[in-house]
């Protein structure tokens, strides 16, 4: 998981790419990624600044790092599965945004490969009621 500095670095990286790009679509994608990482940085910063205002488990009942990672992975899998199960009911514009956001989650040089993997997954499961975004 990224920390605040890493999110800000990614936001700056995509911001710089948007300034150097010439294709309007690519510029929009880079700006969207920059904005997303900037928002994630702001959220992490807010959580860090307001941690004492959040609910805490009693001392001695804090889960281990591995347990937290497993719990987060489970939550992400459940959220992902629920999105996939509702894919055809999601408006096309939102499907495109979800696809674009998911495709930009990896390393910058691997985004094309990741987007291809996502598109192949959606295409493979199109008979399950899924279809890749248009």
C-alpha atoms as a PDB file:
ATOM      1  CA  UNK A   1       0.000   0.000   0.000  1.00  0.00           C
ATOM      2  CA  UNK A   2       1.270   3.487  -0.797  1.00  0.00           C
ATOM      3  CA  UNK A   3       2.024   6.180   1.740  1.00  0.00           C
ATOM      4  CA  UNK A   4       1.292   9.899   1.351  1.00  0.00           C
ATOM      5  CA  UNK A   5       4.662  10.694  -0.256  1.00  0.00           C
ATOM      6  CA  UNK A   6       4.304   7.862  -2.757  1.00  0.00           C
ATOM      7  CA  UNK A   7       0.787   8.975  -3.732  1.00  0.00           C
ATOM      8  CA  UNK A   8       2.010  12.547  -4.190  1.00  0.00           C
ATOM      9  CA  UNK A   9       4.991  11.323  -6.233  1.00  0.00           C
ATOM     10  CA  UNK A  10       2.662   9.341  -8.524  1.00  0.00           C
ATOM     11  CA  UNK A  11       0.365  12.361  -8.841  1.00  0.00           C
ATOM     12  CA  UNK A  12       3.351  14.509  -9.825  1.00  0.00           C
ATOM     13  CA  UNK A  13       4.608  11.830 -12.223  1.00  0.00           C
ATOM     14  CA  UNK A  14       1.271  11.657 -14.050  1.00  0.00           C
ATOM     15  CA  UNK A  15       1.003  15.461 -13.946  1.00  0.00           C
ATOM     16  CA  UNK A  16       4.370  15.750 -15.687  1.00  0.00           C
ATOM     17  CA  UNK A  17       3.323  13.153 -18.255  1.00  0.00           C
ATOM     18  CA  UNK A  18       0.146  15.091 -19.004  1.00  0.00           C
ATOM     19  CA  UNK A  19       2.194  18.211 -19.699  1.00  0.00           C
ATOM     20  CA  UNK A  20       4.453  16.327 -22.102  1.00  0.00           C
ATOM     21  CA  UNK A  21       1.692  14.443 -23.929  1.00  0.00           C
ATOM     22  CA  UNK A  22       0.247  15.670 -27.205  1.00  0.00           C
ATOM     23  CA  UNK A  23      -2.718  13.326 -27.634  1.00  0.00           C
ATOM     24  CA  UNK A  24      -5.805  14.891 -25.960  1.00  0.00           C
ATOM     25  CA  UNK A  25      -7.068  11.480 -24.814  1.00  0.00           C
ATOM     26  CA  UNK A  26      -3.712  10.638 -23.257  1.00  0.00           C
ATOM     27  CA  UNK A  27      -3.593  14.054 -21.576  1.00  0.00           C
ATOM     28  CA  UNK A  28      -7.041  13.412 -20.039  1.00  0.00           C
ATOM     29  CA  UNK A  29      -5.976   9.961 -18.823  1.00  0.00           C
ATOM     30  CA  UNK A  30      -2.774  11.303 -17.266  1.00  0.00           C
ATOM     31  CA  UNK A  31      -4.650  14.172 -15.610  1.00  0.00           C
ATOM     32  CA  UNK A  32      -7.296  11.773 -14.299  1.00  0.00           C
ATOM     33  CA  UNK A  33      -4.577   9.529 -12.859  1.00  0.00           C
ATOM     34  CA  UNK A  34      -2.828  12.538 -11.361  1.00  0.00           C
ATOM     35  CA  UNK A  35      -6.080  13.698  -9.759  1.00  0.00           C
ATOM     36  CA  UNK A  36      -6.805  10.193  -8.438  1.00  0.00           C
ATOM     37  CA  UNK A  37      -3.408   9.832  -6.816  1.00  0.00           C
ATOM     38  CA  UNK A  38      -3.712  13.371  -5.437  1.00  0.00           C
ATOM     39  CA  UNK A  39      -7.066  12.473  -3.882  1.00  0.00           C
ATOM     40  CA  UNK A  40      -5.605   9.320  -2.388  1.00  0.00           C
ATOM     41  CA  UNK A  41      -2.775  11.372  -0.883  1.00  0.00           C
ATOM     42  CA  UNK A  42      -5.267  13.820   0.617  1.00  0.00           C
ATOM     43  CA  UNK A  43      -7.315  10.960   2.063  1.00  0.00           C
ATOM     44  CA  UNK A  44      -4.244   9.339   3.610  1.00  0.00           C
ATOM     45  CA  UNK A  45      -3.177  12.693   5.018  1.00  0.00           C
ATOM     46  CA  UNK A  46      -6.636  13.265   6.512  1.00  0.00           C
ATOM     47  CA  UNK A  47      -6.591   9.814   8.074  1.00  0.00           C
ATOM     48  CA  UNK A  48      -3.143  10.453   9.538  1.00  0.00           C
ATOM     49  CA  UNK A  49      -4.209  13.834  10.949  1.00  0.00           C
ATOM     50  CA  UNK A  50      -7.513  12.514  12.329  1.00  0.00           C
ATOM     51  CA  UNK A  51      -6.521   9.019  13.423  1.00  0.00           C
ATOM     52  CA  UNK A  52      -7.264   9.807  17.072  1.00  0.00           C
ATOM     53  CA  UNK A  53     -10.852  10.653  16.095  1.00  0.00           C
ATOM     54  CA  UNK A  54     -11.482   7.225  14.563  1.00  0.00           C
ATOM     55  CA  UNK A  55     -12.717   4.123  16.342  1.00  0.00           C
ATOM     56  CA  UNK A  56      -9.938   2.034  17.886  1.00  0.00           C
ATOM     57  CA  UNK A  57      -9.805  -1.515  19.152  1.00  0.00           C
ATOM     58  CA  UNK A  58      -8.933  -1.940  22.848  1.00  0.00           C
ATOM     59  CA  UNK A  59      -5.234  -2.462  23.613  1.00  0.00           C
ATOM     60  CA  UNK A  60      -4.075  -6.012  23.099  1.00  0.00           C
ATOM     61  CA  UNK A  61      -6.723  -6.652  20.458  1.00  0.00           C
ATOM     62  CA  UNK A  62      -4.926  -4.983  17.573  1.00  0.00           C
ATOM     63  CA  UNK A  63      -4.721  -7.330  14.596  1.00  0.00           C
ATOM     64  CA  UNK A  64      -1.293  -8.131  13.173  1.00  0.00           C
ATOM     65  CA  UNK A  65      -0.050  -6.537   9.955  1.00  0.00           C
ATOM     66  CA  UNK A  66      -0.630  -9.844   8.144  1.00  0.00           C
ATOM     67  CA  UNK A  67      -4.200 -10.024   9.484  1.00  0.00           C
ATOM     68  CA  UNK A  68      -4.875  -6.456   8.345  1.00  0.00           C
ATOM     69  CA  UNK A  69      -3.442  -7.183   4.902  1.00  0.00           C
ATOM     70  CA  UNK A  70      -5.575 -10.330   4.622  1.00  0.00           C
ATOM     71  CA  UNK A  71      -8.663  -8.413   5.752  1.00  0.00           C
ATOM     72  CA  UNK A  72      -8.019  -5.620   3.228  1.00  0.00           C
ATOM     73  CA  UNK A  73      -7.464  -8.161   0.461  1.00  0.00           C
ATOM     74  CA  UNK A  74     -10.742  -9.873   1.382  1.00  0.00           C
ATOM     75  CA  UNK A  75     -12.603  -6.545   1.355  1.00  0.00           C
ATOM     76  CA  UNK A  76     -11.095  -5.601  -2.021  1.00  0.00           C
ATOM     77  CA  UNK A  77     -11.984  -9.002  -3.474  1.00  0.00           C
ATOM     78  CA  UNK A  78     -15.572  -8.650  -2.232  1.00  0.00           C
ATOM     79  CA  UNK A  79     -15.868  -5.124  -3.637  1.00  0.00           C
ATOM     80  CA  UNK A  80     -14.363  -6.206  -6.938  1.00  0.00           C
ATOM     81  CA  UNK A  81     -16.652  -9.207  -7.178  1.00  0.00           C
ATOM     82  CA  UNK A  82     -19.710  -7.076  -6.438  1.00  0.00           C
ATOM     83  CA  UNK A  83     -18.731  -4.628  -9.188  1.00  0.00           C
ATOM     84  CA  UNK A  84     -18.237  -7.498 -11.632  1.00  0.00           C
ATOM     85  CA  UNK A  85     -21.581  -9.038 -10.669  1.00  0.00           C
ATOM     86  CA  UNK A  86     -23.330  -5.718 -11.420  1.00  0.00           C
ATOM     87  CA  UNK A  87     -21.178  -4.791 -14.451  1.00  0.00           C
ATOM     88  CA  UNK A  88     -24.006  -4.765 -17.013  1.00  0.00           C
ATOM     89  CA  UNK A  89     -26.204  -2.586 -14.807  1.00  0.00           C
ATOM     90  CA  UNK A  90     -23.491   0.048 -14.388  1.00  0.00           C
ATOM     91  CA  UNK A  91     -23.804   3.019 -16.779  1.00  0.00           C
ATOM     92  CA  UNK A  92     -21.338   2.892 -19.670  1.00  0.00           C
ATOM     93  CA  UNK A  93     -19.581   6.095 -18.596  1.00  0.00           C
ATOM     94  CA  UNK A  94     -18.976   4.718 -15.101  1.00  0.00           C
ATOM     95  CA  UNK A  95     -17.812   1.362 -16.537  1.00  0.00           C
ATOM     96  CA  UNK A  96     -15.279   3.265 -18.659  1.00  0.00           C
ATOM     97  CA  UNK A  97     -14.087   5.222 -15.610  1.00  0.00           C
ATOM     98  CA  UNK A  98     -13.779   2.022 -13.548  1.00  0.00           C
ATOM     99  CA  UNK A  99     -11.857   0.361 -16.383  1.00  0.00           C
ATOM    100  CA  UNK A 100      -9.541   3.353 -16.796  1.00  0.00           C
ATOM    101  CA  UNK A 101      -8.930   3.666 -13.056  1.00  0.00           C
ATOM    102  CA  UNK A 102      -8.259  -0.047 -12.630  1.00  0.00           C
ATOM    103  CA  UNK A 103      -5.928   0.038 -15.620  1.00  0.00           C
ATOM    104  CA  UNK A 104      -3.865   2.832 -14.087  1.00  0.00           C
ATOM    105  CA  UNK A 105      -3.351   1.119 -10.719  1.00  0.00           C
ATOM    106  CA  UNK A 106      -0.162  -0.676 -11.707  1.00  0.00           C
ATOM    107  CA  UNK A 107       3.294   0.586 -12.445  1.00  0.00           C
ATOM    108  CA  UNK A 108       3.358   3.219 -15.162  1.00  0.00           C
ATOM    109  CA  UNK A 109       5.125   1.025 -17.720  1.00  0.00           C
ATOM    110  CA  UNK A 110       2.791  -1.924 -17.029  1.00  0.00           C
ATOM    111  CA  UNK A 111      -0.504  -0.054 -17.491  1.00  0.00           C
ATOM    112  CA  UNK A 112      -0.931  -1.198 -21.109  1.00  0.00           C
ATOM    113  CA  UNK A 113      -0.436  -4.829 -20.052  1.00  0.00           C
ATOM    114  CA  UNK A 114      -2.804  -4.435 -17.091  1.00  0.00           C
ATOM    115  CA  UNK A 115      -5.485  -2.803 -19.240  1.00  0.00           C
ATOM    116  CA  UNK A 116      -5.156  -5.715 -21.674  1.00  0.00           C
ATOM    117  CA  UNK A 117      -5.537  -8.225 -18.844  1.00  0.00           C
ATOM    118  CA  UNK A 118      -8.648  -6.443 -17.575  1.00  0.00           C
ATOM    119  CA  UNK A 119     -10.147  -6.254 -21.075  1.00  0.00           C
ATOM    120  CA  UNK A 120      -9.425  -9.980 -21.640  1.00  0.00           C
ATOM    121  CA  UNK A 121     -11.027 -10.837 -18.287  1.00  0.00           C
ATOM    122  CA  UNK A 122     -14.159  -8.860 -19.121  1.00  0.00           C
ATOM    123  CA  UNK A 123     -14.280 -10.371 -22.612  1.00  0.00           C
ATOM    124  CA  UNK A 124     -13.782 -13.904 -21.255  1.00  0.00           C
ATOM    125  CA  UNK A 125     -16.697 -13.438 -18.877  1.00  0.00           C
ATOM    126  CA  UNK A 126     -18.982 -11.619 -21.309  1.00  0.00           C
ATOM    127  CA  UNK A 127     -21.283 -14.652 -21.414  1.00  0.00           C
ATOM    128  CA  UNK A 128     -21.608 -14.290 -17.638  1.00  0.00           C
ATOM    129  CA  UNK A 129     -23.386 -10.994 -18.281  1.00  0.00           C
ATOM    130  CA  UNK A 130     -20.186  -8.926 -18.507  1.00  0.00           C
ATOM    131  CA  UNK A 131     -18.980  -6.870 -21.401  1.00  0.00           C
ATOM    132  CA  UNK A 132     -15.910  -4.653 -21.752  1.00  0.00           C
ATOM    133  CA  UNK A 133     -16.602  -0.914 -21.667  1.00  0.00           C
ATOM    134  CA  UNK A 134     -17.263   0.695 -25.031  1.00  0.00           C
END
